């Protein structure tokens, strides 16, 4: 042990541990060799015996030393090295991991990137909100109150969600969405995406089929496709899903819709189509997944009642979220389930992640009970209406017959550009990003290739921008369009 030097300063135990490990690794202390006694080593190094004993215990726990009561510690025989993998040619590449069928489907999927490529000074990113719009003071007061509330124990909560939040949501949904339900039907989830994933896993088999709007929410379609079920894309128009084209396929077990504000085209499903959709679901014995992702933001009129509010056969699963009203980073959403599905969805939620964060649930419940949440929504509706008006004024100045769709509700519009074709969307987006403006082509939201002659379209979100930024960004868009049309 001559190579060991007296430890200096703090961390003596760590230095002794590192030195012994190094000597075992380089063979200075070979397998079977006696380690010095803890008393002798402590005396030699000028440290306490307790420090050396703790080092020996750590090395023994990791398998480097063999210790037993009353016997001298010895260096353990090192484990047999794992044989190196057989060299592969560069042409064959690395071996693919062994995945399940589900895993292979997911690995093969193309998903949208989480972050836009390249910086954008003005970003019309749909789904984004302005940080300054978050109700910081109200949230902080409610959070502090929830944090200081005494609990009997810190333990897992019920998978269906905090009881106070489910009761608050029950009352809120009746007031704001015309939806009558019991608190027992409500399941609190990590945002809309987890709700969709639960529906996919619990309601679809690989030999089934599902209906999605065309175009529609890509991440929902991917969730359903991951089960192996077959996509039946049904076109959407200015009034939402074209229910006259719902397929008679007997294997269709589920239809996913955004009836209050079709994503991305913005149509509101009229009552005749709603009834036709429910009748189709009853005939098919299929489930209807209603994604009410931004139904709170309707301009000039009260929000449309939820589809589930007129469901008399118990076929509709309603999904709501606070991502558009508060923040997508909260990851708080909720489902209203038909009573027969409540037990299995609770079980699946428990298997997935136990439950959503309890403190955040109680904060949201307090905001709902106090009326602060609805006051915030009304304030944001006025703010977003000003942003929307600025955007539409700018659209009216664009060349080539440009016009916006889906403007009556929500936090985005689809800008159609009749002077351009679908193939022009990506080059246009790249040209705008080079000028510091982020826009997003609509084509990736279609399941199939663009229809012949379909104009170019851009999805423009405006909730994360000021009115000044919207005006500036649209002016840049106009300049790029004019230059392209002249060329």
Protein backbone atom coordinates (compact mmCIF):
# COMPACT_ATOMS: atom_id res chain seq x y z
CA UNK A 1 0.00 0.00 0.00
CA UNK A 2 3.01 2.28 -0.41
CA UNK A 3 1.33 3.98 -3.34
CA UNK A 4 -1.40 5.36 -1.10
CA UNK A 5 -0.67 8.89 0.02
CA UNK A 6 -2.09 10.67 2.98
CA UNK A 7 -5.48 12.16 2.02
CA UNK A 8 -5.71 15.94 2.29
CA UNK A 9 -8.71 18.10 2.94
CA UNK A 10 -12.26 16.86 2.72
CA UNK A 11 -13.45 13.76 0.91
CA UNK A 12 -10.81 11.43 2.40
CA UNK A 13 -13.12 8.45 2.11
CA UNK A 14 -13.72 9.11 -1.58
CA UNK A 15 -9.98 9.40 -2.28
CA UNK A 16 -9.24 6.13 -0.46
CA UNK A 17 -12.03 4.44 -2.38
CA UNK A 18 -10.72 5.71 -5.74
CA UNK A 19 -7.14 4.63 -4.96
CA UNK A 20 -8.14 1.12 -3.90
CA UNK A 21 -10.35 0.76 -6.98
CA UNK A 22 -7.46 1.87 -9.20
CA UNK A 23 -5.04 -0.63 -7.59
CA UNK A 24 -7.53 -3.46 -8.01
CA UNK A 25 -8.08 -2.46 -11.63
CA UNK A 26 -4.38 -2.30 -12.58
CA UNK A 27 -3.46 -5.47 -10.70
CA UNK A 28 -1.45 -3.84 -7.93
CA UNK A 29 -3.91 -5.62 -5.65
CA UNK A 30 -4.43 -8.94 -7.46
CA UNK A 31 -7.37 -11.26 -6.95
CA UNK A 32 -7.09 -13.08 -3.62
CA UNK A 33 -4.62 -10.61 -2.15
CA UNK A 34 -5.12 -9.58 1.45
CA UNK A 35 -6.23 -6.03 1.98
CA UNK A 36 -4.64 -4.20 4.90
CA UNK A 37 -6.65 -4.14 8.08
CA UNK A 38 -8.88 -1.13 8.55
CA UNK A 39 -7.00 -0.22 11.73
CA UNK A 40 -3.59 -0.35 10.05
CA UNK A 41 -4.70 1.58 6.98
CA UNK A 42 -6.39 4.25 9.08
CA UNK A 43 -3.21 4.69 11.15
CA UNK A 44 -1.02 4.84 8.04
CA UNK A 45 -3.19 7.46 6.34
CA UNK A 46 -4.03 9.47 9.41
CA UNK A 47 -7.79 9.12 9.06
CA UNK A 48 -10.41 7.64 11.31
CA UNK A 49 -10.99 3.91 11.26
CA UNK A 50 -14.69 4.66 10.61
CA UNK A 51 -13.75 6.27 7.29
CA UNK A 52 -11.75 3.25 6.15
CA UNK A 53 -14.44 0.83 7.32
CA UNK A 54 -17.06 2.68 5.28
CA UNK A 55 -14.80 2.44 2.18
CA UNK A 56 -14.34 -1.31 2.68
CA UNK A 57 -18.08 -1.81 3.10
CA UNK A 58 -18.72 0.07 -0.15
CA UNK A 59 -16.11 -1.97 -2.04
CA UNK A 60 -17.55 -5.18 -0.63
CA UNK A 61 -21.08 -4.16 -1.62
CA UNK A 62 -19.86 -3.56 -5.17
CA UNK A 63 -18.09 -6.92 -5.30
CA UNK A 64 -14.47 -5.72 -5.25
CA UNK A 65 -13.65 -7.05 -1.75
CA UNK A 66 -14.68 -10.18 0.12
CA UNK A 67 -15.30 -9.56 3.81
CA UNK A 68 -16.63 -11.68 6.66
CA UNK A 69 -16.69 -11.34 10.41
CA UNK A 70 -13.32 -11.98 12.06
CA UNK A 71 -11.45 -12.50 8.78
CA UNK A 72 -9.11 -10.33 6.77
CA UNK A 73 -10.64 -8.71 3.72
CA UNK A 74 -9.41 -10.05 0.40
CA UNK A 75 -9.63 -8.81 -3.17
CA UNK A 76 -12.43 -10.58 -5.02
CA UNK A 77 -11.90 -12.51 -8.22
CA UNK A 78 -12.93 -10.18 -11.04
CA UNK A 79 -15.92 -11.28 -13.09
CA UNK A 80 -15.28 -12.95 -16.37
CA UNK A 81 -15.20 -10.31 -19.10
CA UNK A 82 -18.01 -10.37 -21.58
CA UNK A 83 -16.87 -11.56 -24.99
CA UNK A 84 -16.64 -8.67 -27.43
CA UNK A 85 -19.35 -8.61 -30.06
CA UNK A 86 -18.59 -10.10 -33.42
CA UNK A 87 -17.37 -7.37 -35.72
CA UNK A 88 -19.93 -6.35 -38.31
CA UNK A 89 -19.21 -4.90 -41.66
CA UNK A 90 -20.11 -1.28 -42.17
CA UNK A 91 -22.52 -2.38 -44.85
CA UNK A 92 -24.60 -4.52 -42.48
CA UNK A 93 -24.83 -1.76 -39.89
CA UNK A 94 -25.80 -2.08 -36.25
CA UNK A 95 -28.18 -4.85 -35.25
CA UNK A 96 -31.80 -3.74 -34.83
CA UNK A 97 -33.12 -3.90 -31.27
CA UNK A 98 -35.60 -6.64 -30.48
CA UNK A 99 -38.91 -4.80 -30.34
CA UNK A 100 -42.51 -5.88 -29.94
CA UNK A 101 -44.92 -5.55 -32.85
CA UNK A 102 -46.16 -2.33 -31.27
CA UNK A 103 -42.57 -1.12 -30.88
CA UNK A 104 -41.79 -1.81 -34.52
CA UNK A 105 -44.85 0.15 -35.62
CA UNK A 106 -43.85 3.12 -33.46
CA UNK A 107 -40.23 2.99 -34.66
CA UNK A 108 -41.38 3.14 -38.28
CA UNK A 109 -43.63 6.17 -37.77
CA UNK A 110 -42.92 9.68 -38.94
CA UNK A 111 -43.84 12.16 -36.22
CA UNK A 112 -43.69 15.95 -36.33
CA UNK A 113 -40.55 17.46 -34.85
CA UNK A 114 -40.94 18.87 -31.35
CA UNK A 115 -39.02 22.06 -32.18
CA UNK A 116 -39.06 24.01 -35.44
CA UNK A 117 -35.87 23.89 -37.47
CA UNK A 118 -33.97 27.13 -37.22
CA UNK A 119 -34.86 30.23 -35.20
CA UNK A 120 -37.96 32.22 -36.00
CA UNK A 121 -38.24 35.76 -34.73
CA UNK A 122 -42.01 35.65 -35.30
CA UNK A 123 -43.40 32.14 -35.02
CA UNK A 124 -46.98 31.31 -36.04
CA UNK A 125 -46.67 27.99 -34.17
CA UNK A 126 -50.10 26.55 -33.50
CA UNK A 127 -50.56 25.17 -30.00
CA UNK A 128 -48.18 27.76 -28.53
CA UNK A 129 -49.35 30.35 -26.00
CA UNK A 130 -47.77 33.60 -24.87
CA UNK A 131 -46.03 33.13 -21.47
CA UNK A 132 -47.25 36.56 -20.37
CA UNK A 133 -50.86 35.37 -20.69
CA UNK A 134 -50.47 32.75 -17.94
CA UNK A 135 -52.35 33.81 -14.76
CA UNK A 136 -49.24 33.80 -12.60
CA UNK A 137 -50.65 35.54 -9.52
CA UNK A 138 -53.83 33.48 -9.31
CA UNK A 139 -51.91 30.27 -9.90
CA UNK A 140 -49.26 31.14 -7.30
CA UNK A 141 -51.83 31.97 -4.61
CA UNK A 142 -53.73 28.74 -5.21
CA UNK A 143 -50.50 26.72 -5.40
CA UNK A 144 -49.21 28.08 -2.09
CA UNK A 145 -52.52 27.28 -0.41
CA UNK A 146 -52.46 23.73 -1.76
CA UNK A 147 -48.83 23.28 -0.74
CA UNK A 148 -49.48 24.38 2.85
CA UNK A 149 -52.53 22.17 3.25
CA UNK A 150 -51.78 19.41 5.76
CA UNK A 151 -52.03 15.81 4.57
CA UNK A 152 -52.17 12.66 6.65
CA UNK A 153 -49.43 11.10 4.52
CA UNK A 154 -47.65 11.61 1.21
CA UNK A 155 -48.87 8.61 -0.75
CA UNK A 156 -50.21 7.77 -4.19
CA UNK A 157 -53.56 9.29 -5.08
CA UNK A 158 -56.53 7.78 -6.87
CA UNK A 159 -55.83 7.12 -10.58
CA UNK A 160 -59.06 8.82 -11.62
CA UNK A 161 -57.88 12.14 -10.18
CA UNK A 162 -58.37 14.30 -7.14
CA UNK A 163 -61.98 14.31 -5.97
CA UNK A 164 -62.10 18.10 -5.58
CA UNK A 165 -60.98 18.60 -9.18
CA UNK A 166 -63.44 16.09 -10.59
CA UNK A 167 -66.30 17.80 -8.74
CA UNK A 168 -65.13 21.21 -9.95
CA UNK A 169 -64.89 19.93 -13.53
CA UNK A 170 -68.37 18.43 -13.31
CA UNK A 171 -69.83 21.84 -12.42
CA UNK A 172 -67.70 23.67 -14.97
CA UNK A 173 -68.61 21.36 -17.86
CA UNK A 174 -72.32 21.83 -17.13
CA UNK A 175 -71.92 25.63 -17.16
CA UNK A 176 -69.49 26.03 -20.05
CA UNK A 177 -70.09 23.05 -22.33
CA UNK A 178 -73.70 22.02 -21.64
CA UNK A 179 -72.46 18.61 -20.54
CA UNK A 180 -74.25 16.81 -17.71
CA UNK A 181 -72.24 14.02 -16.09
CA UNK A 182 -71.35 12.53 -12.74
CA UNK A 183 -67.99 13.23 -11.16
CA UNK A 184 -67.42 9.46 -11.19
CA UNK A 185 -67.32 9.57 -15.00
CA UNK A 186 -64.39 12.00 -15.03
CA UNK A 187 -60.81 10.76 -15.40
CA UNK A 188 -57.95 13.25 -15.00
CA UNK A 189 -55.12 12.59 -17.47
CA UNK A 190 -51.81 14.03 -18.63
CA UNK A 191 -53.30 16.13 -21.40
CA UNK A 192 -55.21 15.20 -24.53
CA UNK A 193 -52.46 12.96 -25.82
CA UNK A 194 -52.66 10.51 -22.93
CA UNK A 195 -56.43 10.39 -23.27
CA UNK A 196 -56.11 9.50 -26.96
CA UNK A 197 -53.47 6.87 -26.19
CA UNK A 198 -55.74 5.25 -23.59
CA UNK A 199 -58.59 5.15 -26.12
CA UNK A 200 -56.31 3.54 -28.71
CA UNK A 201 -55.03 0.87 -26.34
CA UNK A 202 -58.38 0.01 -24.78
CA UNK A 203 -60.79 0.29 -27.71
CA UNK A 204 -58.88 -0.92 -30.78
CA UNK A 205 -57.40 -4.25 -31.87
CA UNK A 206 -55.00 -4.89 -34.72
CA UNK A 207 -57.78 -6.39 -36.87
CA UNK A 208 -60.09 -3.38 -36.38
CA UNK A 209 -60.44 -0.11 -38.27
CA UNK A 210 -60.83 3.48 -37.11
CA UNK A 211 -62.11 6.69 -38.70
CA UNK A 212 -60.20 9.97 -38.60
CA UNK A 213 -60.92 13.32 -40.19
CA UNK A 214 -59.00 14.17 -43.37
CA UNK A 215 -57.08 16.37 -42.73
CA UNK A 216 -56.82 15.92 -39.00
CA UNK A 217 -54.68 15.80 -35.88
CA UNK A 218 -51.62 13.77 -36.83
CA UNK A 219 -50.65 12.67 -33.31
CA UNK A 220 -54.10 11.14 -32.76
CA UNK A 221 -53.92 9.25 -36.05
CA UNK A 222 -50.48 7.91 -35.14
CA UNK A 223 -51.73 6.69 -31.74
CA UNK A 224 -54.50 4.70 -33.38
CA UNK A 225 -52.22 3.39 -36.12
CA UNK A 226 -49.77 2.13 -33.49
CA UNK A 227 -52.34 -0.47 -32.44
CA UNK A 228 -52.23 -1.98 -35.93
CA UNK A 229 -55.79 -0.92 -36.69
CA UNK A 230 -56.54 0.28 -40.24
CA UNK A 231 -57.13 3.95 -40.99
CA UNK A 232 -60.36 4.94 -42.73
CA UNK A 233 -59.86 8.61 -43.60
CA UNK A 234 -63.11 10.56 -44.08
CA UNK A 235 -62.90 14.04 -45.62
CA UNK A 236 -63.69 17.14 -43.60
CA UNK A 237 -65.06 20.32 -45.15
CA UNK A 238 -66.15 23.72 -43.95
CA UNK A 239 -68.68 22.07 -41.61
CA UNK A 240 -66.34 19.47 -40.14
CA UNK A 241 -66.47 15.71 -40.73
CA UNK A 242 -68.53 14.77 -43.81
CA UNK A 243 -70.75 12.25 -42.06
CA UNK A 244 -72.43 11.26 -45.35
CA UNK A 245 -69.15 9.54 -46.21
CA UNK A 246 -68.80 7.51 -43.04
CA UNK A 247 -67.82 3.97 -44.07
CA UNK A 248 -70.10 0.96 -43.59
CA UNK A 249 -67.01 -1.18 -42.82
CA UNK A 250 -68.04 -3.59 -40.06
CA UNK A 251 -64.56 -3.46 -38.54
CA UNK A 252 -64.77 0.29 -37.79
CA UNK A 253 -64.70 0.35 -34.00
CA UNK A 254 -63.89 4.01 -33.34
CA UNK A 255 -64.20 7.47 -34.88
CA UNK A 256 -62.07 10.39 -33.74
CA UNK A 257 -63.59 13.86 -34.26
CA UNK A 258 -63.07 17.50 -33.31
CA UNK A 259 -66.69 18.68 -33.70
CA UNK A 260 -66.52 22.05 -31.94
CA UNK A 261 -63.63 23.30 -34.09
CA UNK A 262 -62.36 20.80 -36.64
CA UNK A 263 -58.60 20.55 -36.62
CA UNK A 264 -57.17 22.09 -38.70
CA UNK A 265 -59.87 23.42 -41.06
CA UNK A 266 -61.99 24.95 -38.31
CA UNK A 267 -65.50 23.80 -39.24
CA UNK A 268 -68.18 23.39 -36.57
CA UNK A 269 -70.16 20.17 -36.94
CA UNK A 270 -73.86 21.13 -37.38
CA UNK A 271 -76.63 19.36 -35.50
CA UNK A 272 -77.72 17.26 -38.50
CA UNK A 273 -74.23 15.83 -38.92
CA UNK A 274 -73.90 15.29 -35.17
CA UNK A 275 -77.05 13.20 -35.15
CA UNK A 276 -75.90 11.28 -38.23
CA UNK A 277 -72.55 10.55 -36.57
CA UNK A 278 -74.23 9.25 -33.39
CA UNK A 279 -76.61 7.10 -35.40
CA UNK A 280 -73.69 5.63 -37.37
CA UNK A 281 -71.87 4.85 -34.11
CA UNK A 282 -74.96 3.13 -32.73
CA UNK A 283 -75.34 0.98 -35.87
CA UNK A 284 -71.65 0.10 -35.88
CA UNK A 285 -71.46 -0.33 -32.10
CA UNK A 286 -68.44 1.96 -32.41
CA UNK A 287 -67.02 4.52 -30.00
CA UNK A 288 -66.86 8.25 -30.74
CA UNK A 289 -63.82 10.04 -29.33
CA UNK A 290 -64.68 13.75 -29.06
CA UNK A 291 -61.59 15.95 -28.78
CA UNK A 292 -62.71 19.36 -27.51
CA UNK A 293 -59.22 20.82 -27.63
CA UNK A 294 -60.13 24.54 -27.88
CA UNK A 295 -63.92 24.71 -27.71
CA UNK A 296 -63.77 27.46 -25.08
CA UNK A 297 -62.58 29.98 -27.66
CA UNK A 298 -65.48 30.87 -29.93
CA UNK A 299 -65.87 34.48 -31.06
CA UNK A 300 -69.10 36.42 -31.29
CA UNK A 301 -71.23 33.54 -29.96
CA UNK A 302 -71.27 31.28 -26.92
CA UNK A 303 -69.22 28.08 -27.21
CA UNK A 304 -70.94 25.16 -28.96
CA UNK A 305 -72.25 22.48 -26.61
CA UNK A 306 -70.27 19.27 -26.54
CA UNK A 307 -71.29 16.35 -28.75
CA UNK A 308 -71.53 14.15 -25.68
CA UNK A 309 -74.30 16.44 -24.39
CA UNK A 310 -76.71 14.95 -26.98
CA UNK A 311 -75.42 11.36 -26.81
CA UNK A 312 -78.26 9.17 -25.53
CA UNK A 313 -76.61 5.82 -26.27
CA UNK A 314 -73.39 6.20 -24.27
CA UNK A 315 -71.08 6.00 -27.28
CA UNK A 316 -69.10 9.27 -26.83
CA UNK A 317 -65.87 9.67 -24.88
CA UNK A 318 -65.28 13.38 -24.27
CA UNK A 319 -61.74 14.78 -23.98
CA UNK A 320 -61.02 18.24 -22.56
CA UNK A 321 -57.79 20.06 -21.70
CA UNK A 322 -56.41 23.21 -20.11
CA UNK A 323 -53.52 23.33 -22.59
CA UNK A 324 -55.11 26.09 -24.68
CA UNK A 325 -56.47 28.12 -21.77
CA UNK A 326 -53.50 27.90 -19.36
CA UNK A 327 -50.44 26.13 -20.72
CA UNK A 328 -49.59 22.97 -22.68
CA UNK A 329 -46.70 22.46 -20.27
CA UNK A 330 -49.06 21.72 -17.37
CA UNK A 331 -50.04 18.39 -19.00
CA UNK A 332 -53.50 18.44 -17.42
CA UNK A 333 -56.55 17.15 -19.23
CA UNK A 334 -59.66 15.15 -18.47
CA UNK A 335 -62.06 12.64 -19.97
CA UNK A 336 -65.77 12.15 -19.45
CA UNK A 337 -66.39 8.45 -19.98
CA UNK A 338 -69.51 6.39 -20.61
CA UNK A 339 -70.17 4.61 -17.27
CA UNK A 340 -69.34 1.08 -18.54
CA UNK A 341 -65.83 2.25 -19.51
CA UNK A 342 -64.96 3.93 -16.21
CA UNK A 343 -63.43 0.90 -14.41
CA UNK A 344 -61.13 -0.20 -17.22
CA UNK A 345 -59.91 3.33 -17.96
CA UNK A 346 -59.10 3.84 -14.28
CA UNK A 347 -57.15 0.59 -14.25
CA UNK A 348 -55.24 1.51 -17.40
CA UNK A 349 -54.43 4.96 -16.01
CA UNK A 350 -53.10 3.37 -12.84
CA UNK A 351 -50.90 1.01 -14.86
CA UNK A 352 -49.59 3.86 -17.02
CA UNK A 353 -48.48 6.39 -14.39
CA UNK A 354 -50.53 5.98 -11.19
CA UNK A 355 -52.10 9.46 -11.41
CA UNK A 356 -51.58 13.04 -12.54
CA UNK A 357 -49.68 15.42 -10.20
CA UNK A 358 -51.87 16.09 -7.17
CA UNK A 359 -50.81 19.64 -6.33
CA UNK A 360 -51.54 20.88 -9.85
CA UNK A 361 -54.93 19.16 -9.75
CA UNK A 362 -55.85 20.92 -6.51
CA UNK A 363 -54.68 24.27 -7.86
CA UNK A 364 -56.87 23.87 -10.94
CA UNK A 365 -59.80 22.85 -8.73
CA UNK A 366 -59.36 26.02 -6.66
CA UNK A 367 -59.30 28.19 -9.80
CA UNK A 368 -62.46 26.52 -11.10
CA UNK A 369 -64.31 26.79 -7.79
CA UNK A 370 -63.39 30.45 -7.28
CA UNK A 371 -64.34 31.46 -10.81
CA UNK A 372 -60.77 32.58 -11.55
CA UNK A 373 -60.41 30.06 -14.37
CA UNK A 374 -63.51 31.29 -16.22
CA UNK A 375 -62.53 34.92 -15.72
CA UNK A 376 -59.15 34.07 -17.21
CA UNK A 377 -60.79 32.32 -20.19
CA UNK A 378 -63.02 35.34 -20.85
CA UNK A 379 -60.01 37.64 -20.68
CA UNK A 380 -58.05 35.41 -23.05
CA UNK A 381 -61.01 35.19 -25.43
CA UNK A 382 -60.97 38.99 -25.75
CA UNK A 383 -57.20 39.00 -26.19
CA UNK A 384 -57.26 36.27 -28.82
CA UNK A 385 -60.09 38.01 -30.64
CA UNK A 386 -57.87 41.09 -31.04
CA UNK A 387 -55.05 38.91 -32.35
CA UNK A 388 -57.40 37.17 -34.74
CA UNK A 389 -58.74 40.49 -36.05
CA UNK A 390 -55.19 41.70 -36.74
CA UNK A 391 -54.42 38.48 -38.58
CA UNK A 392 -57.56 38.64 -40.73
CA UNK A 393 -56.91 42.28 -41.63
CA UNK A 394 -53.47 41.26 -42.84
CA UNK A 395 -54.84 38.27 -44.78
CA UNK A 396 -57.14 40.62 -46.69
CA UNK A 397 -54.04 42.46 -47.98
CA UNK A 398 -52.28 39.35 -49.29
CA UNK A 399 -52.03 38.79 -53.05
CA UNK A 400 -53.28 35.90 -55.17
CA UNK A 401 -56.73 35.46 -53.63
CA UNK A 402 -55.39 34.31 -50.24
CA UNK A 403 -58.12 33.65 -47.68
CA UNK A 404 -58.38 32.18 -44.18
CA UNK A 405 -60.62 29.31 -43.04
CA UNK A 406 -61.73 28.29 -39.56
CA UNK A 407 -61.80 31.82 -38.21
CA UNK A 408 -64.91 31.64 -36.01
CA UNK A 409 -63.20 29.81 -33.15
CA UNK A 410 -59.94 28.48 -31.83
CA UNK A 411 -56.40 29.81 -31.80
CA UNK A 412 -55.31 29.17 -35.38
CA UNK A 413 -56.49 29.57 -38.96
CA UNK A 414 -55.69 27.79 -42.21
CA UNK A 415 -54.45 30.24 -44.82
CA UNK A 416 -55.25 29.00 -48.33
CA UNK A 417 -53.12 30.32 -51.18
CA UNK A 418 -54.91 29.59 -54.49
CA UNK A 419 -52.03 30.99 -56.54
CA UNK A 420 -49.75 28.21 -55.26
CA UNK A 421 -49.98 24.42 -55.20
CA UNK A 422 -49.46 22.04 -52.30
CA UNK A 423 -45.93 21.27 -53.49
CA UNK A 424 -45.05 24.95 -52.94
CA UNK A 425 -45.75 24.85 -49.18
CA UNK A 426 -42.34 23.59 -48.04
CA UNK A 427 -40.29 26.04 -50.19
CA UNK A 428 -42.51 28.90 -49.04
CA UNK A 429 -42.08 27.92 -45.38
CA UNK A 430 -38.30 27.71 -45.86
CA UNK A 431 -38.17 31.12 -47.51
CA UNK A 432 -40.16 32.67 -44.68
CA UNK A 433 -38.02 31.03 -42.00
CA UNK A 434 -34.97 32.51 -43.68
CA UNK A 435 -36.66 35.88 -43.08
CA UNK A 436 -37.32 35.01 -39.40
CA UNK A 437 -40.98 34.01 -39.75
CA UNK A 438 -42.23 30.53 -38.87
CA UNK A 439 -45.25 29.10 -40.74
CA UNK A 440 -46.46 25.50 -41.03
CA UNK A 441 -47.67 23.61 -44.14
CA UNK A 442 -51.07 21.94 -43.92
CA UNK A 443 -50.11 18.95 -46.11
CA UNK A 444 -48.55 16.84 -43.28
CA UNK A 445 -51.97 16.80 -41.61
CA UNK A 446 -53.44 14.84 -44.53
CA UNK A 447 -53.22 11.04 -44.49
CA UNK A 448 -53.07 10.80 -48.28
CA UNK A 449 -51.31 12.73 -51.04
CA UNK A 450 -52.65 16.16 -52.01
CA UNK A 451 -55.67 16.10 -54.30
CA UNK A 452 -54.99 17.21 -57.84
CA UNK A 453 -55.04 20.99 -58.02
CA UNK A 454 -55.30 21.51 -54.26
CA UNK A 455 -53.97 24.95 -53.33
CA UNK A 456 -51.15 25.48 -50.89
CA UNK A 457 -52.21 25.93 -47.28
CA UNK A 458 -50.51 27.13 -44.11
CA UNK A 459 -51.61 26.58 -40.52
CA UNK A 460 -51.07 29.85 -38.65
CA UNK A 461 -51.33 29.92 -34.87
CA UNK A 462 -51.65 33.35 -33.33
CA UNK A 463 -52.10 32.81 -29.57
CA UNK A 464 -48.39 33.12 -28.83
CA UNK A 465 -47.87 36.45 -30.60
CA UNK A 466 -48.63 40.10 -29.98
CA UNK A 467 -50.75 42.03 -32.48
CA UNK A 468 -47.58 43.87 -33.54
CA UNK A 469 -45.75 40.61 -34.22
CA UNK A 470 -48.72 39.27 -36.20
CA UNK A 471 -48.80 42.38 -38.38
CA UNK A 472 -45.02 42.25 -38.94
CA UNK A 473 -45.00 38.54 -39.73
CA UNK A 474 -47.89 38.81 -42.18
CA UNK A 475 -46.16 41.74 -43.89
CA UNK A 476 -43.12 39.52 -44.47
CA UNK A 477 -45.40 36.76 -45.78
CA UNK A 478 -46.97 39.24 -48.18
CA UNK A 479 -43.55 40.38 -49.45
CA UNK A 480 -42.42 36.78 -50.05
CA UNK A 481 -45.67 35.92 -51.84
CA UNK A 482 -45.50 38.97 -54.10
CA UNK A 483 -41.88 38.26 -54.98
CA UNK A 484 -42.73 34.65 -55.79
CA UNK A 485 -45.74 35.54 -57.91
CA UNK A 486 -43.73 38.10 -59.86
CA UNK A 487 -40.99 35.52 -60.45
